N, C-alpha and C. Protein backbone atom coordinates (compact mmCIF):
# COMPACT_ATOMS: atom_id res chain seq x y z
N UNK A 1 0.84 -1.21 0.00
CA UNK A 1 0.00 0.00 0.00
C UNK A 1 0.87 1.25 0.00
N UNK A 2 0.46 2.20 -0.80
CA UNK A 2 1.19 3.47 -0.82
C UNK A 2 0.79 4.30 0.39
N UNK A 3 1.71 5.09 0.91
CA UNK A 3 1.37 5.94 2.06
C UNK A 3 0.29 6.94 1.68
N UNK A 4 -0.62 7.16 2.63
CA UNK A 4 -1.74 8.06 2.36
C UNK A 4 -1.24 9.50 2.29
N UNK A 5 -1.56 10.17 1.19
CA UNK A 5 -1.14 11.56 1.04
C UNK A 5 -2.09 12.48 1.79
N UNK A 6 -1.55 13.59 2.27
CA UNK A 6 -2.38 14.56 2.97
C UNK A 6 -3.23 15.32 1.96
N UNK A 7 -4.53 15.32 2.19
CA UNK A 7 -5.44 16.02 1.29
C UNK A 7 -6.20 17.09 2.05
N UNK A 8 -6.63 18.10 1.34
CA UNK A 8 -7.39 19.19 1.97
C UNK A 8 -8.79 18.73 2.33
N UNK A 9 -9.31 17.77 1.57
CA UNK A 9 -10.66 17.28 1.85
C UNK A 9 -10.64 16.34 3.05
N UNK A 10 -11.60 16.47 3.94
CA UNK A 10 -11.66 15.58 5.10
C UNK A 10 -11.99 14.15 4.69
N UNK A 11 -11.30 13.19 5.27
CA UNK A 11 -11.57 11.79 4.95
C UNK A 11 -11.79 11.00 6.22
N UNK A 12 -12.56 9.95 6.12
CA UNK A 12 -12.77 9.09 7.29
C UNK A 12 -12.88 7.65 6.82
N UNK A 13 -12.57 6.72 7.70
CA UNK A 13 -12.63 5.31 7.34
C UNK A 13 -13.99 4.74 7.73
N UNK A 14 -14.65 4.13 6.77
CA UNK A 14 -15.95 3.53 7.04
C UNK A 14 -15.93 2.08 6.55
N UNK A 15 -16.73 1.26 7.20
CA UNK A 15 -16.79 -0.15 6.81
C UNK A 15 -17.96 -0.39 5.89
N UNK A 16 -17.69 -1.02 4.76
CA UNK A 16 -18.75 -1.28 3.79
C UNK A 16 -19.74 -2.29 4.37
N UNK A 17 -21.03 -1.98 4.36
CA UNK A 17 -22.05 -2.88 4.92
C UNK A 17 -22.21 -4.16 4.09
N UNK A 18 -21.74 -4.13 2.84
CA UNK A 18 -21.90 -5.29 1.96
C UNK A 18 -20.71 -6.25 2.09
N UNK A 19 -19.51 -5.72 1.88
CA UNK A 19 -18.33 -6.60 1.89
C UNK A 19 -17.52 -6.47 3.17
N UNK A 20 -17.92 -5.57 4.07
CA UNK A 20 -17.23 -5.37 5.35
C UNK A 20 -15.75 -5.05 5.18
N UNK A 21 -15.44 -4.27 4.14
CA UNK A 21 -14.06 -3.88 3.94
C UNK A 21 -13.88 -2.42 4.33
N UNK A 22 -12.71 -2.10 4.87
CA UNK A 22 -12.45 -0.72 5.29
C UNK A 22 -12.12 0.12 4.06
N UNK A 23 -12.87 1.21 3.88
CA UNK A 23 -12.65 2.08 2.73
C UNK A 23 -12.53 3.52 3.18
N UNK A 24 -11.84 4.30 2.38
CA UNK A 24 -11.72 5.73 2.68
C UNK A 24 -12.81 6.49 1.94
N UNK A 25 -13.51 7.35 2.66
CA UNK A 25 -14.55 8.16 2.04
C UNK A 25 -14.19 9.63 2.19
N UNK A 26 -14.46 10.41 1.14
CA UNK A 26 -14.18 11.84 1.20
C UNK A 26 -15.48 12.59 1.48
N UNK A 27 -15.43 13.46 2.46
CA UNK A 27 -16.63 14.22 2.82
C UNK A 27 -16.59 15.60 2.17
N UNK A 28 -17.54 15.87 1.28
CA UNK A 28 -17.62 17.21 0.68
C UNK A 28 -17.91 18.25 1.75
N UNK A 29 -17.32 19.44 1.61
CA UNK A 29 -17.53 20.49 2.60
C UNK A 29 -18.98 20.94 2.65
N UNK A 30 -19.68 20.81 1.52
CA UNK A 30 -21.06 21.28 1.48
C UNK A 30 -22.01 20.29 2.17
N UNK A 31 -21.53 19.07 2.42
CA UNK A 31 -22.37 18.09 3.08
C UNK A 31 -22.46 18.39 4.57
N UNK A 32 -23.65 18.34 5.10
CA UNK A 32 -23.85 18.64 6.52
C UNK A 32 -23.58 17.41 7.37
N UNK A 33 -23.28 17.63 8.64
CA UNK A 33 -22.99 16.52 9.55
C UNK A 33 -24.22 15.63 9.71
N UNK A 34 -25.40 16.23 9.61
CA UNK A 34 -26.63 15.46 9.77
C UNK A 34 -26.76 14.43 8.66
N UNK A 35 -26.33 14.81 7.46
CA UNK A 35 -26.42 13.88 6.33
C UNK A 35 -25.44 12.73 6.50
N UNK A 36 -24.29 13.02 7.09
CA UNK A 36 -23.30 11.98 7.31
C UNK A 36 -23.79 11.00 8.37
N UNK A 37 -24.40 11.53 9.41
CA UNK A 37 -24.90 10.69 10.50
C UNK A 37 -26.03 9.79 10.01
N UNK A 38 -26.79 10.28 9.04
CA UNK A 38 -27.92 9.51 8.53
C UNK A 38 -27.44 8.30 7.74
N UNK A 39 -26.25 8.41 7.13
CA UNK A 39 -25.72 7.30 6.34
C UNK A 39 -25.14 6.20 7.21
N UNK A 40 -24.77 6.53 8.43
CA UNK A 40 -24.15 5.54 9.31
C UNK A 40 -25.16 4.50 9.78
């Protein structure tokens, strides 16, 4: 695996409900925290 580069966009690790694999997701700045919580 290549080292993770620093990006300006906020990223978080979430587990896929289908394959249960850890993936990196990028959160758009325009997305509200409420929308993120609803996806969890």
